[in-house]
Amino acid sequence: MAEQISYRVRRVQRGRRLKVRVDPEHGVEVLVPAGVPLRLAGSAVAELEPWLRDQLDRRSRLRAELRPDGTLPYLDERLVLVAQDGRTRAQRRGAQLLVPAGADGPAAIERWYRRAARAEIAPRLDAAAAASGTRYAHLSIRNQRTRWASCGSGGAMSFNWRLLLAPERVLDYVVWHEVCHLEVADHSPRFWALLESRCPAWREPAAWLRVYGSVLVL
């Protein structure tokens, strides 16, 4: 007998319909709008069980492909995790990432990736903006749930630190995507033509991100 699918229920204020999704960080999640009984979550999961199992199996396969046990991807490299008692911060040493042992490990790893993301993204962003003759306002590193990066109307740039779990060409593509938004704010044909001129090989990393994006988590 197959193991029952575990899920979490989250009450949301927007929307009218109950939604079931596979969240990159939390697994199966049921979004229940205000006014909809929470007890309906279980029946919705049961109704979608075949689809959910297929999605979970796919995520498991993709995750195993990107992350052999005991390692984490870092752009085009792979870091071996080494847990150490008494350590409070994650620190890279060659091909190793030294991390706190126990429950503090994941949070320390994320903080390290956030710091590394700024160091990796800032020079790429500066170079792309200079090459295109544009300027951006400032850079922030975030952990957005549904997007990899954004360019605000005033030139504020925001990038998801989890891009460092992807190949380097994917990060470079996302940087150029947002820099092109400094000139064209929408996704009109003019935008895609501009991106093509600045980053001709953008289609392959964009396709990679669509396939693997859901498993770029710690």
N, C-alpha and C. Protein backbone atom coordinates (compact mmCIF):
# COMPACT_ATOMS: atom_id res chain seq x y z
N MET A 1 0.85 -1.21 0.00
CA MET A 1 0.00 0.00 0.00
C MET A 1 0.88 1.25 0.00
N ALA A 2 0.59 2.17 -0.89
CA ALA A 2 1.39 3.38 -1.00
C ALA A 2 1.23 4.25 0.25
N GLU A 3 2.33 4.89 0.62
CA GLU A 3 2.30 5.78 1.77
C GLU A 3 1.43 6.99 1.47
N GLN A 4 0.66 7.41 2.46
CA GLN A 4 -0.25 8.54 2.27
C GLN A 4 0.56 9.81 2.00
N ILE A 5 0.07 10.63 1.10
CA ILE A 5 0.75 11.88 0.79
C ILE A 5 0.58 12.86 1.94
N SER A 6 1.70 13.37 2.42
CA SER A 6 1.65 14.39 3.47
C SER A 6 1.53 15.76 2.82
N TYR A 7 0.85 16.66 3.48
CA TYR A 7 0.66 18.00 2.93
C TYR A 7 0.45 18.98 4.07
N ARG A 8 0.63 20.24 3.73
CA ARG A 8 0.34 21.28 4.71
C ARG A 8 -0.75 22.19 4.15
N VAL A 9 -1.51 22.78 5.03
CA VAL A 9 -2.62 23.64 4.65
C VAL A 9 -2.27 25.08 5.01
N ARG A 10 -2.49 25.98 4.08
CA ARG A 10 -2.21 27.39 4.33
C ARG A 10 -3.42 28.23 3.95
N ARG A 11 -3.90 28.99 4.90
CA ARG A 11 -5.04 29.88 4.65
C ARG A 11 -4.56 31.12 3.93
N VAL A 12 -5.24 31.49 2.82
CA VAL A 12 -4.88 32.68 2.05
C VAL A 12 -6.11 33.57 1.94
N GLN A 13 -5.87 34.86 1.79
CA GLN A 13 -6.97 35.81 1.72
C GLN A 13 -7.46 36.02 0.30
N ARG A 14 -6.57 35.85 -0.67
CA ARG A 14 -6.95 36.10 -2.05
C ARG A 14 -7.50 34.84 -2.70
N GLY A 15 -8.23 35.06 -3.78
CA GLY A 15 -8.74 33.93 -4.55
C GLY A 15 -10.06 33.40 -4.01
N ARG A 16 -10.72 32.64 -4.85
CA ARG A 16 -12.01 32.07 -4.48
C ARG A 16 -11.98 30.56 -4.42
N ARG A 17 -10.98 29.95 -5.06
CA ARG A 17 -10.96 28.50 -5.16
C ARG A 17 -9.79 27.91 -4.39
N LEU A 18 -10.00 26.76 -3.83
CA LEU A 18 -8.96 26.01 -3.17
C LEU A 18 -7.95 25.53 -4.22
N LYS A 19 -6.66 25.63 -3.93
CA LYS A 19 -5.62 25.21 -4.86
C LYS A 19 -4.66 24.24 -4.19
N VAL A 20 -4.24 23.24 -4.95
CA VAL A 20 -3.25 22.29 -4.48
C VAL A 20 -2.03 22.42 -5.38
N ARG A 21 -0.85 22.55 -4.78
CA ARG A 21 0.37 22.70 -5.57
C ARG A 21 1.52 21.98 -4.88
N VAL A 22 2.57 21.77 -5.64
CA VAL A 22 3.80 21.20 -5.08
C VAL A 22 4.79 22.35 -4.94
N ASP A 23 5.00 22.78 -3.69
CA ASP A 23 5.88 23.91 -3.42
C ASP A 23 7.33 23.44 -3.36
N PRO A 24 8.29 24.19 -3.93
CA PRO A 24 9.68 23.76 -3.94
C PRO A 24 10.25 23.48 -2.55
N GLU A 25 9.84 24.25 -1.55
CA GLU A 25 10.41 24.09 -0.22
C GLU A 25 9.54 23.25 0.71
N HIS A 26 8.23 23.28 0.54
CA HIS A 26 7.34 22.67 1.51
C HIS A 26 6.61 21.42 1.01
N GLY A 27 6.87 21.01 -0.20
CA GLY A 27 6.18 19.84 -0.73
C GLY A 27 4.75 20.17 -1.10
N VAL A 28 3.83 19.23 -0.87
CA VAL A 28 2.43 19.44 -1.23
C VAL A 28 1.82 20.48 -0.29
N GLU A 29 1.21 21.47 -0.87
CA GLU A 29 0.63 22.56 -0.10
C GLU A 29 -0.78 22.83 -0.63
N VAL A 30 -1.73 22.99 0.28
CA VAL A 30 -3.10 23.29 -0.09
C VAL A 30 -3.40 24.72 0.34
N LEU A 31 -3.74 25.57 -0.62
CA LEU A 31 -4.06 26.97 -0.36
C LEU A 31 -5.57 27.10 -0.25
N VAL A 32 -6.03 27.48 0.93
CA VAL A 32 -7.47 27.54 1.20
C VAL A 32 -7.89 28.99 1.39
N PRO A 33 -8.70 29.54 0.47
CA PRO A 33 -9.14 30.93 0.61
C PRO A 33 -10.05 31.12 1.83
N ALA A 34 -10.13 32.36 2.27
CA ALA A 34 -11.03 32.69 3.37
C ALA A 34 -12.46 32.32 2.98
N GLY A 35 -13.17 31.69 3.89
CA GLY A 35 -14.54 31.29 3.63
C GLY A 35 -14.70 29.87 3.14
N VAL A 36 -13.60 29.23 2.74
CA VAL A 36 -13.65 27.84 2.30
C VAL A 36 -13.26 26.94 3.48
N PRO A 37 -14.05 25.94 3.81
CA PRO A 37 -13.75 25.08 4.97
C PRO A 37 -12.41 24.36 4.81
N LEU A 38 -11.64 24.34 5.88
CA LEU A 38 -10.33 23.68 5.86
C LEU A 38 -10.45 22.18 5.63
N ARG A 39 -11.58 21.60 6.01
CA ARG A 39 -11.75 20.15 5.89
C ARG A 39 -11.74 19.69 4.43
N LEU A 40 -11.92 20.62 3.48
CA LEU A 40 -11.93 20.25 2.07
C LEU A 40 -10.52 19.98 1.54
N ALA A 41 -9.50 20.33 2.32
CA ALA A 41 -8.13 20.15 1.86
C ALA A 41 -7.82 18.67 1.61
N GLY A 42 -8.24 17.82 2.54
CA GLY A 42 -7.95 16.39 2.43
C GLY A 42 -8.57 15.76 1.20
N SER A 43 -9.82 16.10 0.92
CA SER A 43 -10.49 15.52 -0.25
C SER A 43 -9.87 16.02 -1.54
N ALA A 44 -9.37 17.28 -1.56
CA ALA A 44 -8.72 17.81 -2.76
C ALA A 44 -7.42 17.06 -3.04
N VAL A 45 -6.66 16.77 -1.99
CA VAL A 45 -5.41 16.03 -2.16
C VAL A 45 -5.71 14.61 -2.65
N ALA A 46 -6.75 13.97 -2.09
CA ALA A 46 -7.10 12.62 -2.52
C ALA A 46 -7.52 12.59 -3.99
N GLU A 47 -8.24 13.61 -4.41
CA GLU A 47 -8.71 13.66 -5.80
C GLU A 47 -7.54 13.80 -6.78
N LEU A 48 -6.50 14.54 -6.35
CA LEU A 48 -5.36 14.80 -7.23
C LEU A 48 -4.19 13.87 -6.95
N GLU A 49 -4.41 12.81 -6.21
CA GLU A 49 -3.30 11.95 -5.78
C GLU A 49 -2.44 11.44 -6.93
N PRO A 50 -2.99 10.91 -8.04
CA PRO A 50 -2.11 10.44 -9.12
C PRO A 50 -1.20 11.53 -9.67
N TRP A 51 -1.75 12.72 -9.89
CA TRP A 51 -0.96 13.83 -10.40
C TRP A 51 0.10 14.25 -9.39
N LEU A 52 -0.28 14.30 -8.11
CA LEU A 52 0.67 14.70 -7.08
C LEU A 52 1.82 13.71 -6.97
N ARG A 53 1.52 12.43 -7.03
CA ARG A 53 2.59 11.42 -6.95
C ARG A 53 3.53 11.54 -8.14
N ASP A 54 2.98 11.82 -9.30
CA ASP A 54 3.82 11.99 -10.48
C ASP A 54 4.74 13.19 -10.31
N GLN A 55 4.19 14.29 -9.80
CA GLN A 55 4.99 15.50 -9.57
C GLN A 55 6.07 15.28 -8.53
N LEU A 56 5.73 14.59 -7.44
CA LEU A 56 6.69 14.33 -6.37
C LEU A 56 7.80 13.39 -6.85
N ASP A 57 7.45 12.39 -7.64
CA ASP A 57 8.46 11.47 -8.18
C ASP A 57 9.40 12.21 -9.12
N ARG A 58 8.83 13.09 -9.94
CA ARG A 58 9.65 13.88 -10.87
C ARG A 58 10.61 14.77 -10.10
N ARG A 59 10.13 15.43 -9.07
CA ARG A 59 10.99 16.29 -8.25
C ARG A 59 12.10 15.49 -7.61
N SER A 60 11.78 14.30 -7.13
CA SER A 60 12.78 13.46 -6.49
C SER A 60 13.88 13.06 -7.47
N ARG A 61 13.50 12.72 -8.70
CA ARG A 61 14.48 12.34 -9.71
C ARG A 61 15.38 13.53 -10.08
N LEU A 62 14.77 14.69 -10.31
CA LEU A 62 15.54 15.87 -10.68
C LEU A 62 16.47 16.29 -9.54
N ARG A 63 15.96 16.23 -8.32
CA ARG A 63 16.78 16.62 -7.17
C ARG A 63 17.98 15.69 -7.03
N ALA A 64 17.78 14.39 -7.19
CA ALA A 64 18.88 13.43 -7.09
C ALA A 64 19.91 13.68 -8.20
N GLU A 65 19.43 14.10 -9.35
CA GLU A 65 20.33 14.38 -10.47
C GLU A 65 21.23 15.57 -10.17
N LEU A 66 20.66 16.59 -9.53
CA LEU A 66 21.44 17.79 -9.24
C LEU A 66 22.26 17.67 -7.96
N ARG A 67 21.77 16.85 -7.01
CA ARG A 67 22.38 16.82 -5.69
C ARG A 67 22.66 15.40 -5.21
N PRO A 68 23.77 14.82 -5.63
CA PRO A 68 24.16 13.55 -5.02
C PRO A 68 24.29 13.73 -3.51
N ASP A 69 24.06 12.68 -2.76
CA ASP A 69 24.07 12.77 -1.30
C ASP A 69 25.34 13.45 -0.78
N GLY A 70 25.12 14.36 0.16
CA GLY A 70 26.26 15.00 0.82
C GLY A 70 26.89 16.13 0.04
N THR A 71 26.23 16.61 -1.01
CA THR A 71 26.79 17.69 -1.81
C THR A 71 25.74 18.76 -2.08
N LEU A 72 26.22 19.92 -2.50
CA LEU A 72 25.36 21.00 -2.97
C LEU A 72 25.97 21.60 -4.23
N PRO A 73 25.15 21.93 -5.22
CA PRO A 73 25.69 22.61 -6.40
C PRO A 73 26.00 24.07 -6.09
N TYR A 74 27.03 24.57 -6.75
CA TYR A 74 27.38 25.99 -6.67
C TYR A 74 27.83 26.42 -8.06
N LEU A 75 26.89 26.99 -8.82
CA LEU A 75 27.13 27.32 -10.21
C LEU A 75 27.64 26.06 -10.94
N ASP A 76 28.83 26.08 -11.53
CA ASP A 76 29.30 24.91 -12.26
C ASP A 76 30.14 23.98 -11.39
N GLU A 77 30.14 24.20 -10.09
CA GLU A 77 30.91 23.38 -9.17
C GLU A 77 29.98 22.55 -8.30
N ARG A 78 30.57 21.63 -7.55
CA ARG A 78 29.82 20.85 -6.57
C ARG A 78 30.58 20.86 -5.26
N LEU A 79 29.93 21.30 -4.19
CA LEU A 79 30.57 21.40 -2.89
C LEU A 79 30.18 20.22 -2.01
N VAL A 80 31.17 19.66 -1.34
CA VAL A 80 30.93 18.56 -0.41
C VAL A 80 30.64 19.14 0.97
N LEU A 81 29.51 18.77 1.55
CA LEU A 81 29.13 19.29 2.86
C LEU A 81 29.90 18.55 3.95
N VAL A 82 30.50 19.31 4.86
CA VAL A 82 31.23 18.75 6.00
C VAL A 82 30.66 19.39 7.26
N ALA A 83 29.91 18.61 8.05
CA ALA A 83 29.31 19.12 9.28
C ALA A 83 30.33 19.08 10.42
N GLN A 84 30.42 20.18 11.16
CA GLN A 84 31.38 20.27 12.25
C GLN A 84 30.69 20.74 13.52
N ASP A 85 30.89 20.03 14.60
CA ASP A 85 30.35 20.43 15.91
C ASP A 85 31.01 21.73 16.34
N GLY A 86 30.22 22.61 16.93
CA GLY A 86 30.74 23.87 17.45
C GLY A 86 30.82 24.99 16.43
N ARG A 87 30.66 24.67 15.18
CA ARG A 87 30.70 25.71 14.14
C ARG A 87 29.38 26.46 14.11
N THR A 88 29.43 27.79 13.93
CA THR A 88 28.21 28.60 13.89
C THR A 88 27.94 29.21 12.52
N ARG A 89 28.97 29.27 11.66
CA ARG A 89 28.82 29.84 10.33
C ARG A 89 29.29 28.84 9.28
N ALA A 90 28.67 28.90 8.12
CA ALA A 90 29.14 28.09 7.00
C ALA A 90 30.34 28.79 6.37
N GLN A 91 31.31 27.99 5.95
CA GLN A 91 32.52 28.55 5.35
C GLN A 91 33.02 27.61 4.27
N ARG A 92 33.38 28.18 3.13
CA ARG A 92 33.92 27.35 2.06
C ARG A 92 35.42 27.16 2.24
N ARG A 93 35.87 25.92 2.00
CA ARG A 93 37.30 25.61 2.01
C ARG A 93 37.57 24.72 0.80
N GLY A 94 37.99 25.34 -0.29
CA GLY A 94 38.21 24.59 -1.51
C GLY A 94 36.90 24.04 -2.06
N ALA A 95 36.86 22.72 -2.23
CA ALA A 95 35.65 22.07 -2.73
C ALA A 95 34.73 21.62 -1.61
N GLN A 96 35.03 22.05 -0.38
CA GLN A 96 34.20 21.69 0.77
C GLN A 96 33.45 22.91 1.29
N LEU A 97 32.25 22.66 1.82
CA LEU A 97 31.50 23.68 2.54
C LEU A 97 31.35 23.21 3.96
N LEU A 98 32.06 23.87 4.87
CA LEU A 98 32.04 23.50 6.28
C LEU A 98 30.80 24.14 6.92
N VAL A 99 29.97 23.35 7.54
CA VAL A 99 28.68 23.83 8.05
C VAL A 99 28.48 23.38 9.49
N PRO A 100 27.64 24.10 10.26
CA PRO A 100 27.32 23.66 11.62
C PRO A 100 26.61 22.31 11.62
N ALA A 101 26.96 21.47 12.55
CA ALA A 101 26.28 20.19 12.68
C ALA A 101 24.91 20.41 13.32
N GLY A 102 23.96 19.56 13.01
CA GLY A 102 22.65 19.61 13.65
C GLY A 102 21.67 20.55 12.98
N ALA A 103 20.71 21.01 13.76
CA ALA A 103 19.57 21.77 13.22
C ALA A 103 19.96 23.14 12.69
N ASP A 104 21.10 23.69 13.11
CA ASP A 104 21.50 25.03 12.66
C ASP A 104 22.11 25.02 11.27
N GLY A 105 22.39 23.83 10.72
CA GLY A 105 23.06 23.74 9.44
C GLY A 105 22.35 24.41 8.28
N PRO A 106 21.08 24.08 8.01
CA PRO A 106 20.40 24.66 6.85
C PRO A 106 20.35 26.18 6.85
N ALA A 107 20.06 26.80 8.01
CA ALA A 107 20.00 28.26 8.07
C ALA A 107 21.37 28.87 7.81
N ALA A 108 22.43 28.24 8.33
CA ALA A 108 23.78 28.76 8.10
C ALA A 108 24.17 28.62 6.63
N ILE A 109 23.76 27.53 6.00
CA ILE A 109 24.05 27.33 4.59
C ILE A 109 23.35 28.39 3.75
N GLU A 110 22.09 28.66 4.06
CA GLU A 110 21.37 29.69 3.30
C GLU A 110 22.03 31.05 3.46
N ARG A 111 22.46 31.40 4.67
CA ARG A 111 23.12 32.69 4.88
C ARG A 111 24.41 32.76 4.06
N TRP A 112 25.13 31.65 3.98
CA TRP A 112 26.36 31.64 3.18
C TRP A 112 26.04 31.84 1.71
N TYR A 113 25.03 31.16 1.21
CA TYR A 113 24.65 31.32 -0.20
C TYR A 113 24.18 32.74 -0.48
N ARG A 114 23.49 33.35 0.45
CA ARG A 114 23.04 34.73 0.25
C ARG A 114 24.25 35.66 0.10
N ARG A 115 25.25 35.48 0.97
CA ARG A 115 26.45 36.31 0.86
C ARG A 115 27.18 36.05 -0.45
N ALA A 116 27.27 34.78 -0.81
CA ALA A 116 27.95 34.43 -2.06
C ALA A 116 27.19 34.97 -3.27
N ALA A 117 25.86 34.98 -3.18
CA ALA A 117 25.05 35.47 -4.30
C ALA A 117 25.36 36.93 -4.59
N ARG A 118 25.48 37.74 -3.55
CA ARG A 118 25.81 39.15 -3.79
C ARG A 118 27.19 39.27 -4.45
N ALA A 119 28.15 38.48 -3.98
CA ALA A 119 29.50 38.56 -4.54
C ALA A 119 29.53 38.08 -5.99
N GLU A 120 28.69 37.12 -6.35
CA GLU A 120 28.66 36.61 -7.72
C GLU A 120 27.85 37.49 -8.66
N ILE A 121 26.73 38.01 -8.16
CA ILE A 121 25.80 38.73 -9.03
C ILE A 121 26.22 40.17 -9.26
N ALA A 122 26.72 40.86 -8.23
CA ALA A 122 27.04 42.28 -8.37
C ALA A 122 27.99 42.57 -9.53
N PRO A 123 29.13 41.87 -9.67
CA PRO A 123 30.01 42.19 -10.80
C PRO A 123 29.40 41.83 -12.15
N ARG A 124 28.60 40.77 -12.21
CA ARG A 124 27.93 40.43 -13.46
C ARG A 124 26.92 41.51 -13.84
N LEU A 125 26.19 41.99 -12.86
CA LEU A 125 25.19 43.02 -13.10
C LEU A 125 25.86 44.33 -13.51
N ASP A 126 26.95 44.69 -12.85
CA ASP A 126 27.68 45.91 -13.21
C ASP A 126 28.19 45.82 -14.65
N ALA A 127 28.75 44.67 -15.01
CA ALA A 127 29.31 44.51 -16.35
C ALA A 127 28.23 44.56 -17.43
N ALA A 128 27.10 43.89 -17.18
CA ALA A 128 26.02 43.88 -18.16
C ALA A 128 25.40 45.27 -18.33
N ALA A 129 25.23 45.98 -17.21
CA ALA A 129 24.66 47.33 -17.29
C ALA A 129 25.60 48.26 -18.05
N ALA A 130 26.90 48.14 -17.77
CA ALA A 130 27.87 48.99 -18.46
C ALA A 130 27.91 48.68 -19.95
N ALA A 131 27.85 47.39 -20.29
CA ALA A 131 27.90 46.99 -21.70
C ALA A 131 26.68 47.48 -22.47
N SER A 132 25.55 47.60 -21.78
CA SER A 132 24.32 48.03 -22.45
C SER A 132 24.09 49.54 -22.32
N GLY A 133 24.98 50.22 -21.60
CA GLY A 133 24.83 51.66 -21.44
C GLY A 133 23.68 52.07 -20.54
N THR A 134 23.33 51.20 -19.57
CA THR A 134 22.24 51.49 -18.65
C THR A 134 22.78 51.54 -17.22
N ARG A 135 21.92 51.96 -16.31
CA ARG A 135 22.29 52.01 -14.89
C ARG A 135 21.14 51.46 -14.06
N TYR A 136 21.47 50.79 -12.99
CA TYR A 136 20.44 50.32 -12.06
C TYR A 136 20.61 51.03 -10.72
N ALA A 137 19.57 51.01 -9.91
CA ALA A 137 19.58 51.77 -8.66
C ALA A 137 20.34 51.04 -7.56
N HIS A 138 19.93 49.84 -7.25
CA HIS A 138 20.61 49.06 -6.21
C HIS A 138 20.26 47.59 -6.38
N LEU A 139 21.00 46.75 -5.68
CA LEU A 139 20.85 45.31 -5.77
C LEU A 139 20.44 44.74 -4.41
N SER A 140 19.43 43.88 -4.41
CA SER A 140 19.05 43.16 -3.19
C SER A 140 19.01 41.67 -3.50
N ILE A 141 19.34 40.86 -2.49
CA ILE A 141 19.32 39.41 -2.61
C ILE A 141 18.18 38.89 -1.77
N ARG A 142 17.30 38.11 -2.38
CA ARG A 142 16.10 37.65 -1.69
C ARG A 142 15.87 36.15 -1.88
N ASN A 143 14.78 35.68 -1.33
CA ASN A 143 14.38 34.28 -1.49
C ASN A 143 12.92 34.26 -1.94
N GLN A 144 12.67 34.82 -3.13
CA GLN A 144 11.30 34.92 -3.63
C GLN A 144 10.71 33.53 -3.86
N ARG A 145 9.43 33.41 -3.63
CA ARG A 145 8.76 32.12 -3.79
C ARG A 145 8.46 31.79 -5.25
N THR A 146 8.19 32.81 -6.05
CA THR A 146 7.68 32.55 -7.40
C THR A 146 8.49 33.17 -8.52
N ARG A 147 9.57 33.87 -8.23
CA ARG A 147 10.34 34.49 -9.30
C ARG A 147 11.82 34.42 -8.98
N TRP A 148 12.63 34.50 -10.05
CA TRP A 148 14.08 34.39 -9.90
C TRP A 148 14.74 35.75 -9.78
N ALA A 149 14.11 36.76 -10.32
CA ALA A 149 14.68 38.10 -10.26
C ALA A 149 13.61 39.09 -10.67
N SER A 150 13.88 40.36 -10.39
CA SER A 150 12.94 41.40 -10.81
C SER A 150 13.70 42.70 -10.99
N CYS A 151 13.12 43.55 -11.83
CA CYS A 151 13.67 44.88 -12.07
C CYS A 151 12.56 45.89 -11.82
N GLY A 152 12.70 46.68 -10.77
CA GLY A 152 11.68 47.66 -10.42
C GLY A 152 11.67 48.84 -11.37
N SER A 153 10.59 49.61 -11.33
CA SER A 153 10.45 50.74 -12.25
C SER A 153 11.54 51.78 -12.06
N GLY A 154 12.11 51.86 -10.85
CA GLY A 154 13.19 52.81 -10.61
C GLY A 154 14.57 52.22 -10.78
N GLY A 155 14.64 51.00 -11.31
CA GLY A 155 15.93 50.37 -11.53
C GLY A 155 16.43 49.54 -10.36
N ALA A 156 15.55 49.27 -9.39
CA ALA A 156 15.93 48.42 -8.26
C ALA A 156 15.98 46.97 -8.72
N MET A 157 17.11 46.31 -8.53
CA MET A 157 17.31 44.94 -8.96
C MET A 157 17.22 43.98 -7.78
N SER A 158 16.49 42.90 -7.96
CA SER A 158 16.36 41.89 -6.92
C SER A 158 16.61 40.52 -7.55
N PHE A 159 17.48 39.72 -6.91
CA PHE A 159 17.81 38.40 -7.41
C PHE A 159 17.65 37.36 -6.31
N ASN A 160 17.21 36.19 -6.72
CA ASN A 160 17.01 35.08 -5.80
C ASN A 160 18.35 34.37 -5.58
N TRP A 161 18.75 34.19 -4.32
CA TRP A 161 20.03 33.55 -4.02
C TRP A 161 20.10 32.12 -4.55
N ARG A 162 18.94 31.49 -4.74
CA ARG A 162 18.92 30.09 -5.18
C ARG A 162 19.42 29.92 -6.62
N LEU A 163 19.63 31.04 -7.32
CA LEU A 163 20.23 30.95 -8.66
C LEU A 163 21.64 30.37 -8.59
N LEU A 164 22.30 30.46 -7.43
CA LEU A 164 23.63 29.89 -7.30
C LEU A 164 23.61 28.36 -7.26
N LEU A 165 22.41 27.78 -7.14
CA LEU A 165 22.28 26.33 -7.21
C LEU A 165 22.14 25.85 -8.65
N ALA A 166 22.10 26.80 -9.58
CA ALA A 166 21.97 26.49 -11.01
C ALA A 166 23.31 26.65 -11.70
N PRO A 167 23.46 26.15 -12.92
CA PRO A 167 24.70 26.36 -13.67
C PRO A 167 24.96 27.85 -13.91
N GLU A 168 26.22 28.18 -14.13
CA GLU A 168 26.62 29.58 -14.29
C GLU A 168 25.91 30.24 -15.47
N ARG A 169 25.70 29.50 -16.55
CA ARG A 169 25.04 30.08 -17.72
C ARG A 169 23.61 30.51 -17.40
N VAL A 170 22.97 29.84 -16.45
CA VAL A 170 21.62 30.22 -16.05
C VAL A 170 21.64 31.55 -15.31
N LEU A 171 22.58 31.71 -14.39
CA LEU A 171 22.71 32.98 -13.69
C LEU A 171 23.00 34.11 -14.67
N ASP A 172 23.91 33.87 -15.61
CA ASP A 172 24.24 34.92 -16.59
C ASP A 172 23.02 35.31 -17.41
N TYR A 173 22.22 34.32 -17.80
CA TYR A 173 21.01 34.61 -18.57
C TYR A 173 20.04 35.48 -17.76
N VAL A 174 19.83 35.12 -16.49
CA VAL A 174 18.88 35.88 -15.67
C VAL A 174 19.37 37.31 -15.48
N VAL A 175 20.67 37.49 -15.30
CA VAL A 175 21.22 38.85 -15.17
C VAL A 175 20.92 39.66 -16.43
N TRP A 176 21.17 39.08 -17.61
CA TRP A 176 20.91 39.81 -18.83
C TRP A 176 19.41 40.06 -19.03
N HIS A 177 18.60 39.11 -18.63
CA HIS A 177 17.15 39.29 -18.73
C HIS A 177 16.72 40.55 -17.98
N GLU A 178 17.21 40.69 -16.74
CA GLU A 178 16.80 41.85 -15.94
C GLU A 178 17.43 43.14 -16.43
N VAL A 179 18.66 43.08 -16.91
CA VAL A 179 19.29 44.29 -17.45
C VAL A 179 18.52 44.78 -18.68
N CYS A 180 18.03 43.86 -19.49
CA CYS A 180 17.22 44.27 -20.65
C CYS A 180 15.93 44.95 -20.20
N HIS A 181 15.44 44.59 -19.02
CA HIS A 181 14.23 45.24 -18.51
C HIS A 181 14.49 46.70 -18.12
N LEU A 182 15.73 47.08 -17.95
CA LEU A 182 16.02 48.49 -17.70
C LEU A 182 15.67 49.35 -18.92
N GLU A 183 15.65 48.72 -20.10
CA GLU A 183 15.30 49.43 -21.32
C GLU A 183 13.88 49.15 -21.78
N VAL A 184 13.43 47.91 -21.60
CA VAL A 184 12.07 47.53 -22.00
C VAL A 184 11.44 46.82 -20.81
N ALA A 185 10.42 47.43 -20.21
CA ALA A 185 9.88 46.91 -18.96
C ALA A 185 9.02 45.67 -19.14
N ASP A 186 8.43 45.48 -20.30
CA ASP A 186 7.50 44.36 -20.50
C ASP A 186 8.18 43.21 -21.23
N HIS A 187 7.39 42.20 -21.59
CA HIS A 187 7.89 41.07 -22.36
C HIS A 187 7.33 41.11 -23.79
N SER A 188 7.38 42.28 -24.37
CA SER A 188 6.92 42.47 -25.74
C SER A 188 7.94 41.90 -26.71
N PRO A 189 7.58 41.79 -28.00
CA PRO A 189 8.56 41.35 -29.00
C PRO A 189 9.83 42.20 -28.98
N ARG A 190 9.69 43.48 -28.66
CA ARG A 190 10.87 44.35 -28.59
C ARG A 190 11.82 43.89 -27.50
N PHE A 191 11.26 43.45 -26.36
CA PHE A 191 12.11 42.95 -25.28
C PHE A 191 12.88 41.72 -25.71
N TRP A 192 12.18 40.74 -26.29
CA TRP A 192 12.84 39.48 -26.67
C TRP A 192 13.89 39.72 -27.76
N ALA A 193 13.65 40.67 -28.64
CA ALA A 193 14.64 41.00 -29.65
C ALA A 193 15.88 41.62 -29.00
N LEU A 194 15.67 42.45 -28.01
CA LEU A 194 16.79 43.05 -27.28
C LEU A 194 17.59 41.98 -26.55
N LEU A 195 16.89 41.08 -25.86
CA LEU A 195 17.58 39.99 -25.16
C LEU A 195 18.37 39.13 -26.13
N GLU A 196 17.79 38.86 -27.29
CA GLU A 196 18.48 38.07 -28.31
C GLU A 196 19.78 38.74 -28.75
N SER A 197 19.75 40.05 -28.85
CA SER A 197 20.95 40.77 -29.29
C SER A 197 22.02 40.81 -28.20
N ARG A 198 21.61 40.81 -26.93
CA ARG A 198 22.56 40.91 -25.83
C ARG A 198 23.01 39.54 -25.32
N CYS A 199 22.13 38.55 -25.42
CA CYS A 199 22.42 37.21 -24.88
C CYS A 199 21.86 36.18 -25.86
N PRO A 200 22.53 35.97 -26.99
CA PRO A 200 21.98 35.13 -28.06
C PRO A 200 21.67 33.70 -27.65
N ALA A 201 22.36 33.19 -26.64
CA ALA A 201 22.15 31.78 -26.23
C ALA A 201 21.16 31.66 -25.08
N TRP A 202 20.25 32.60 -24.92
CA TRP A 202 19.39 32.63 -23.74
C TRP A 202 18.38 31.49 -23.68
N ARG A 203 18.00 30.92 -24.80
CA ARG A 203 16.91 29.94 -24.80
C ARG A 203 17.25 28.67 -24.01
N GLU A 204 18.48 28.19 -24.14
CA GLU A 204 18.84 26.96 -23.44
C GLU A 204 18.83 27.13 -21.93
N PRO A 205 19.48 28.14 -21.34
CA PRO A 205 19.38 28.30 -19.89
C PRO A 205 17.97 28.61 -19.41
N ALA A 206 17.19 29.31 -20.22
CA ALA A 206 15.80 29.56 -19.83
C ALA A 206 15.02 28.26 -19.75
N ALA A 207 15.26 27.37 -20.72
CA ALA A 207 14.59 26.06 -20.71
C ALA A 207 15.07 25.22 -19.52
N TRP A 208 16.36 25.29 -19.21
CA TRP A 208 16.90 24.56 -18.06
C TRP A 208 16.21 25.01 -16.78
N LEU A 209 16.01 26.29 -16.64
CA LEU A 209 15.41 26.82 -15.42
C LEU A 209 13.95 26.39 -15.30
N ARG A 210 13.25 26.28 -16.41
CA ARG A 210 11.86 25.81 -16.37
C ARG A 210 11.80 24.36 -15.90
N VAL A 211 12.78 23.55 -16.30
CA VAL A 211 12.77 22.13 -15.92
C VAL A 211 13.22 21.93 -14.48
N TYR A 212 14.32 22.56 -14.09
CA TYR A 212 14.95 22.28 -12.81
C TYR A 212 14.65 23.30 -11.72
N GLY A 213 14.00 24.40 -12.08
CA GLY A 213 13.79 25.46 -11.11
C GLY A 213 13.12 25.03 -9.82
N SER A 214 12.18 24.09 -9.91
CA SER A 214 11.41 23.67 -8.73
C SER A 214 12.24 22.89 -7.73
N VAL A 215 13.43 22.42 -8.12
CA VAL A 215 14.26 21.65 -7.18
C VAL A 215 15.51 22.41 -6.78
N LEU A 216 15.59 23.69 -7.07
CA LEU A 216 16.72 24.50 -6.63
C LEU A 216 16.47 24.98 -5.20
N VAL A 217 16.53 24.04 -4.28
CA VAL A 217 16.32 24.31 -2.86
C VAL A 217 17.37 23.55 -2.07
N LEU A 218 17.59 23.96 -0.83
CA LEU A 218 18.54 23.26 0.02
C LEU A 218 17.95 21.94 0.49
